[in-house]
Amino acid sequence: MTFDPEQLGQSKADLAETLRTLRKRANRTQVWLAQRCNISQTKLSNLETSRITPNADGRGRTV
């Protein structure tokens, strides 16, 4: 099951920007958040730049 932010009226870029903004507001690094989410820092970076979109199984989908 793939999450599609556009079905919720939000673009992939908006979702990525929100994730990045909230992480930075919490004064956390990508490494910290990636470890907490049990994903790689590279994957988190790709999510924050909207190169991939999240999906239910956590693997991410390339756009």
PDB file of N, CA and C in Angstrom:
ATOM      1  N   MET A   1       0.843  -1.178   0.000  1.00  0.00           N
ATOM      2  CA  MET A   1       0.000   0.000   0.000  1.00  0.00           C
ATOM      3  C   MET A   1       0.885   1.236   0.000  1.00  0.00           C
ATOM      4  N   THR A   2       0.738   2.073  -0.992  1.00  0.00           N
ATOM      5  CA  THR A   2       1.534   3.284  -1.106  1.00  0.00           C
ATOM      6  C   THR A   2       0.724   4.478  -0.628  1.00  0.00           C
ATOM      7  N   PHE A   3       1.387   5.344   0.107  1.00  0.00           N
ATOM      8  CA  PHE A   3       0.770   6.574   0.578  1.00  0.00           C
ATOM      9  C   PHE A   3       0.875   7.606  -0.532  1.00  0.00           C
ATOM     10  N   ASP A   4      -0.239   8.214  -0.891  1.00  0.00           N
ATOM     11  CA  ASP A   4      -0.234   9.239  -1.937  1.00  0.00           C
ATOM     12  C   ASP A   4      -0.720  10.548  -1.335  1.00  0.00           C
ATOM     13  N   PRO A   5       0.211  11.462  -1.020  1.00  0.00           N
ATOM     14  CA  PRO A   5      -0.193  12.718  -0.387  1.00  0.00           C
ATOM     15  C   PRO A   5      -1.155  13.528  -1.239  1.00  0.00           C
ATOM     16  N   GLU A   6      -1.117  13.350  -2.547  1.00  0.00           N
ATOM     17  CA  GLU A   6      -1.987  14.129  -3.421  1.00  0.00           C
ATOM     18  C   GLU A   6      -3.451  13.747  -3.239  1.00  0.00           C
ATOM     19  N   GLN A   7      -3.721  12.533  -2.753  1.00  0.00           N
ATOM     20  CA  GLN A   7      -5.101  12.141  -2.464  1.00  0.00           C
ATOM     21  C   GLN A   7      -5.646  12.943  -1.291  1.00  0.00           C
ATOM     22  N   LEU A   8      -4.756  13.475  -0.459  1.00  0.00           N
ATOM     23  CA  LEU A   8      -5.165  14.285   0.682  1.00  0.00           C
ATOM     24  C   LEU A   8      -5.084  15.776   0.378  1.00  0.00           C
ATOM     25  N   GLY A   9      -4.849  16.115  -0.880  1.00  0.00           N
ATOM     26  CA  GLY A   9      -4.760  17.507  -1.278  1.00  0.00           C
ATOM     27  C   GLY A   9      -3.429  18.146  -0.958  1.00  0.00           C
ATOM     28  N   GLN A  10      -2.402  17.346  -0.765  1.00  0.00           N
ATOM     29  CA  GLN A  10      -1.078  17.854  -0.441  1.00  0.00           C
ATOM     30  C   GLN A  10      -0.095  17.303  -1.474  1.00  0.00           C
ATOM     31  N   SER A  11       0.773  18.146  -1.995  1.00  0.00           N
ATOM     32  CA  SER A  11       1.738  17.674  -2.979  1.00  0.00           C
ATOM     33  C   SER A  11       2.866  16.915  -2.288  1.00  0.00           C
ATOM     34  N   LYS A  12       3.586  16.132  -3.050  1.00  0.00           N
ATOM     35  CA  LYS A  12       4.733  15.398  -2.517  1.00  0.00           C
ATOM     36  C   LYS A  12       5.772  16.368  -1.973  1.00  0.00           C
ATOM     37  N   ALA A  13       5.954  17.486  -2.656  1.00  0.00           N
ATOM     38  CA  ALA A  13       6.920  18.486  -2.200  1.00  0.00           C
ATOM     39  C   ALA A  13       6.486  19.107  -0.870  1.00  0.00           C
ATOM     40  N   ASP A  14       5.172  19.331  -0.705  1.00  0.00           N
ATOM     41  CA  ASP A  14       4.668  19.873   0.561  1.00  0.00           C
ATOM     42  C   ASP A  14       4.896  18.894   1.704  1.00  0.00           C
ATOM     43  N   LEU A  15       4.650  17.625   1.447  1.00  0.00           N
ATOM     44  CA  LEU A  15       4.867  16.602   2.462  1.00  0.00           C
ATOM     45  C   LEU A  15       6.341  16.562   2.864  1.00  0.00           C
ATOM     46  N   ALA A  16       7.219  16.598   1.875  1.00  0.00           N
ATOM     47  CA  ALA A  16       8.664  16.570   2.141  1.00  0.00           C
ATOM     48  C   ALA A  16       9.087  17.788   2.951  1.00  0.00           C
ATOM     49  N   GLU A  17       8.588  18.957   2.573  1.00  0.00           N
ATOM     50  CA  GLU A  17       8.950  20.188   3.279  1.00  0.00           C
ATOM     51  C   GLU A  17       8.444  20.172   4.718  1.00  0.00           C
ATOM     52  N   THR A  18       7.245  19.647   4.920  1.00  0.00           N
ATOM     53  CA  THR A  18       6.695  19.561   6.269  1.00  0.00           C
ATOM     54  C   THR A  18       7.530  18.634   7.141  1.00  0.00           C
ATOM     55  N   LEU A  19       7.904  17.495   6.621  1.00  0.00           N
ATOM     56  CA  LEU A  19       8.749  16.564   7.361  1.00  0.00           C
ATOM     57  C   LEU A  19      10.066  17.222   7.759  1.00  0.00           C
ATOM     58  N   ARG A  20      10.716  17.863   6.806  1.00  0.00           N
ATOM     59  CA  ARG A  20      11.996  18.523   7.055  1.00  0.00           C
ATOM     60  C   ARG A  20      11.843  19.665   8.069  1.00  0.00           C
ATOM     61  N   THR A  21      10.800  20.468   7.895  1.00  0.00           N
ATOM     62  CA  THR A  21      10.575  21.602   8.797  1.00  0.00           C
ATOM     63  C   THR A  21      10.332  21.138  10.229  1.00  0.00           C
ATOM     64  N   LEU A  22       9.494  20.129  10.398  1.00  0.00           N
ATOM     65  CA  LEU A  22       9.205  19.632  11.743  1.00  0.00           C
ATOM     66  C   LEU A  22      10.430  19.001  12.390  1.00  0.00           C
ATOM     67  N   ARG A  23      11.227  18.287  11.591  1.00  0.00           N
ATOM     68  CA  ARG A  23      12.450  17.694  12.144  1.00  0.00           C
ATOM     69  C   ARG A  23      13.406  18.779  12.619  1.00  0.00           C
ATOM     70  N   LYS A  24      13.579  19.802  11.795  1.00  0.00           N
ATOM     71  CA  LYS A  24      14.491  20.890  12.157  1.00  0.00           C
ATOM     72  C   LYS A  24      13.957  21.685  13.345  1.00  0.00           C
ATOM     73  N   ARG A  25      12.643  21.902  13.381  1.00  0.00           N
ATOM     74  CA  ARG A  25      12.045  22.628  14.509  1.00  0.00           C
ATOM     75  C   ARG A  25      12.275  21.889  15.816  1.00  0.00           C
ATOM     76  N   ALA A  26      12.292  20.563  15.747  1.00  0.00           N
ATOM     77  CA  ALA A  26      12.557  19.739  16.930  1.00  0.00           C
ATOM     78  C   ALA A  26      14.053  19.659  17.236  1.00  0.00           C
ATOM     79  N   ASN A  27      14.866  20.329  16.403  1.00  0.00           N
ATOM     80  CA  ASN A  27      16.319  20.344  16.575  1.00  0.00           C
ATOM     81  C   ASN A  27      16.908  18.932  16.547  1.00  0.00           C
ATOM     82  N   ARG A  28      16.455  18.147  15.580  1.00  0.00           N
ATOM     83  CA  ARG A  28      16.928  16.771  15.409  1.00  0.00           C
ATOM     84  C   ARG A  28      17.614  16.620  14.063  1.00  0.00           C
ATOM     85  N   THR A  29      18.548  15.707  13.996  1.00  0.00           N
ATOM     86  CA  THR A  29      19.259  15.437  12.748  1.00  0.00           C
ATOM     87  C   THR A  29      18.536  14.352  11.960  1.00  0.00           C
ATOM     88  N   GLN A  30      18.904  14.244  10.706  1.00  0.00           N
ATOM     89  CA  GLN A  30      18.356  13.156   9.887  1.00  0.00           C
ATOM     90  C   GLN A  30      18.775  11.814  10.458  1.00  0.00           C
ATOM     91  N   VAL A  31      19.988  11.726  10.940  1.00  0.00           N
ATOM     92  CA  VAL A  31      20.477  10.460  11.511  1.00  0.00           C
ATOM     93  C   VAL A  31      19.609  10.057  12.699  1.00  0.00           C
ATOM     94  N   TRP A  32      19.338  11.003  13.589  1.00  0.00           N
ATOM     95  CA  TRP A  32      18.520  10.713  14.770  1.00  0.00           C
ATOM     96  C   TRP A  32      17.137  10.222  14.363  1.00  0.00           C
ATOM     97  N   LEU A  33      16.477  10.972  13.472  1.00  0.00           N
ATOM     98  CA  LEU A  33      15.119  10.607  13.068  1.00  0.00           C
ATOM     99  C   LEU A  33      15.094   9.281  12.319  1.00  0.00           C
ATOM    100  N   ALA A  34      16.070   9.064  11.453  1.00  0.00           N
ATOM    101  CA  ALA A  34      16.135   7.808  10.710  1.00  0.00           C
ATOM    102  C   ALA A  34      16.266   6.616  11.666  1.00  0.00           C
ATOM    103  N   GLN A  35      17.102   6.764  12.686  1.00  0.00           N
ATOM    104  CA  GLN A  35      17.252   5.681  13.659  1.00  0.00           C
ATOM    105  C   GLN A  35      15.949   5.441  14.401  1.00  0.00           C
ATOM    106  N   ARG A  36      15.247   6.505  14.776  1.00  0.00           N
ATOM    107  CA  ARG A  36      13.981   6.366  15.478  1.00  0.00           C
ATOM    108  C   ARG A  36      12.910   5.709  14.604  1.00  0.00           C
ATOM    109  N   CYS A  37      13.001   5.939  13.301  1.00  0.00           N
ATOM    110  CA  CYS A  37      12.021   5.373  12.352  1.00  0.00           C
ATOM    111  C   CYS A  37      12.465   4.036  11.793  1.00  0.00           C
ATOM    112  N   ASN A  38      13.670   3.606  12.179  1.00  0.00           N
ATOM    113  CA  ASN A  38      14.226   2.339  11.715  1.00  0.00           C
ATOM    114  C   ASN A  38      14.378   2.312  10.192  1.00  0.00           C
ATOM    115  N   ILE A  39      14.858   3.425   9.638  1.00  0.00           N
ATOM    116  CA  ILE A  39      15.177   3.519   8.219  1.00  0.00           C
ATOM    117  C   ILE A  39      16.568   4.119   8.087  1.00  0.00           C
ATOM    118  N   SER A  40      17.130   4.071   6.905  1.00  0.00           N
ATOM    119  CA  SER A  40      18.455   4.649   6.701  1.00  0.00           C
ATOM    120  C   SER A  40      18.364   6.171   6.589  1.00  0.00           C
ATOM    121  N   GLN A  41      19.465   6.832   6.862  1.00  0.00           N
ATOM    122  CA  GLN A  41      19.523   8.284   6.713  1.00  0.00           C
ATOM    123  C   GLN A  41      19.322   8.657   5.254  1.00  0.00           C
ATOM    124  N   THR A  42      19.829   7.833   4.354  1.00  0.00           N
ATOM    125  CA  THR A  42      19.653   8.079   2.923  1.00  0.00           C
ATOM    126  C   THR A  42      18.175   8.069   2.553  1.00  0.00           C
ATOM    127  N   LYS A  43      17.440   7.103   3.077  1.00  0.00           N
ATOM    128  CA  LYS A  43      16.004   7.040   2.791  1.00  0.00           C
ATOM    129  C   LYS A  43      15.293   8.270   3.338  1.00  0.00           C
ATOM    130  N   LEU A  44      15.647   8.692   4.541  1.00  0.00           N
ATOM    131  CA  LEU A  44      15.032   9.881   5.113  1.00  0.00           C
ATOM    132  C   LEU A  44      15.340  11.107   4.256  1.00  0.00           C
ATOM    133  N   SER A  45      16.573  11.215   3.809  1.00  0.00           N
ATOM    134  CA  SER A  45      16.948  12.314   2.925  1.00  0.00           C
ATOM    135  C   SER A  45      16.101  12.296   1.659  1.00  0.00           C
ATOM    136  N   ASN A  46      15.916  11.121   1.091  1.00  0.00           N
ATOM    137  CA  ASN A  46      15.094  10.991  -0.111  1.00  0.00           C
ATOM    138  C   ASN A  46      13.631  11.358   0.154  1.00  0.00           C
ATOM    139  N   LEU A  47      13.130  11.047   1.343  1.00  0.00           N
ATOM    140  CA  LEU A  47      11.770  11.441   1.709  1.00  0.00           C
ATOM    141  C   LEU A  47      11.673  12.956   1.847  1.00  0.00           C
ATOM    142  N   GLU A  48      12.686  13.564   2.471  1.00  0.00           N
ATOM    143  CA  GLU A  48      12.678  15.004   2.698  1.00  0.00           C
ATOM    144  C   GLU A  48      12.870  15.812   1.416  1.00  0.00           C
ATOM    145  N   THR A  49      13.359  15.195   0.381  1.00  0.00           N
ATOM    146  CA  THR A  49      13.548  15.899  -0.890  1.00  0.00           C
ATOM    147  C   THR A  49      12.546  15.422  -1.933  1.00  0.00           C
ATOM    148  N   SER A  50      11.576  14.662  -1.518  1.00  0.00           N
ATOM    149  CA  SER A  50      10.490  14.100  -2.333  1.00  0.00           C
ATOM    150  C   SER A  50      10.973  13.250  -3.502  1.00  0.00           C
ATOM    151  N   ARG A  51      12.145  12.633  -3.360  1.00  0.00           N
ATOM    152  CA  ARG A  51      12.606  11.669  -4.374  1.00  0.00           C
ATOM    153  C   ARG A  51      11.826  10.370  -4.274  1.00  0.00           C
ATOM    154  N   ILE A  52      11.387  10.043  -3.053  1.00  0.00           N
ATOM    155  CA  ILE A  52      10.527   8.882  -2.835  1.00  0.00           C
ATOM    156  C   ILE A  52       9.357   9.313  -1.967  1.00  0.00           C
ATOM    157  N   THR A  53       8.287   8.554  -2.018  1.00  0.00           N
ATOM    158  CA  THR A  53       7.145   8.793  -1.143  1.00  0.00           C
ATOM    159  C   THR A  53       7.036   7.620  -0.179  1.00  0.00           C
ATOM    160  N   PRO A  54       6.553   7.881   1.027  1.00  0.00           N
ATOM    161  CA  PRO A  54       6.435   6.790   2.000  1.00  0.00           C
ATOM    162  C   PRO A  54       5.330   5.824   1.600  1.00  0.00           C
ATOM    163  N   ASN A  55       5.464   4.587   2.074  1.00  0.00           N
ATOM    164  CA  ASN A  55       4.381   3.629   1.898  1.00  0.00           C
ATOM    165  C   ASN A  55       4.226   2.820   3.177  1.00  0.00           C
ATOM    166  N   ALA A  56       3.174   2.061   3.271  1.00  0.00           N
ATOM    167  CA  ALA A  56       2.810   1.388   4.516  1.00  0.00           C
ATOM    168  C   ALA A  56       3.854   0.382   4.991  1.00  0.00           C
ATOM    169  N   ASP A  57       4.575  -0.249   4.077  1.00  0.00           N
ATOM    170  CA  ASP A  57       5.554  -1.238   4.516  1.00  0.00           C
ATOM    171  C   ASP A  57       6.922  -0.624   4.798  1.00  0.00           C
ATOM    172  N   GLY A  58       7.055   0.698   4.633  1.00  0.00           N
ATOM    173  CA  GLY A  58       8.278   1.383   5.000  1.00  0.00           C
ATOM    174  C   GLY A  58       9.377   1.381   3.965  1.00  0.00           C
ATOM    175  N   ARG A  59       9.157   0.760   2.822  1.00  0.00           N
ATOM    176  CA  ARG A  59      10.219   0.684   1.832  1.00  0.00           C
ATOM    177  C   ARG A  59      10.357   1.956   1.010  1.00  0.00           C
ATOM    178  N   GLY A  60       9.308   2.696   0.837  1.00  0.00           N
ATOM    179  CA  GLY A  60       9.353   3.897   0.014  1.00  0.00           C
ATOM    180  C   GLY A  60       9.215   3.552  -1.450  1.00  0.00           C
ATOM    181  N   ARG A  61       8.699   4.492  -2.203  1.00  0.00           N
ATOM    182  CA  ARG A  61       8.473   4.272  -3.622  1.00  0.00           C
ATOM    183  C   ARG A  61       9.129   5.408  -4.377  1.00  0.00           C
ATOM    184  N   THR A  62       9.939   5.077  -5.362  1.00  0.00           N
ATOM    185  CA  THR A  62      10.591   6.083  -6.171  1.00  0.00           C
ATOM    186  C   THR A  62       9.560   6.791  -7.031  1.00  0.00           C
ATOM    187  N   VAL A  63       9.704   8.092  -7.124  1.00  0.00           N
ATOM    188  CA  VAL A  63       8.755   8.871  -7.954  1.00  0.00           C
ATOM    189  C   VAL A  63       9.366   9.251  -9.266  1.00  0.00           C
TER     190      VAL A  63
END
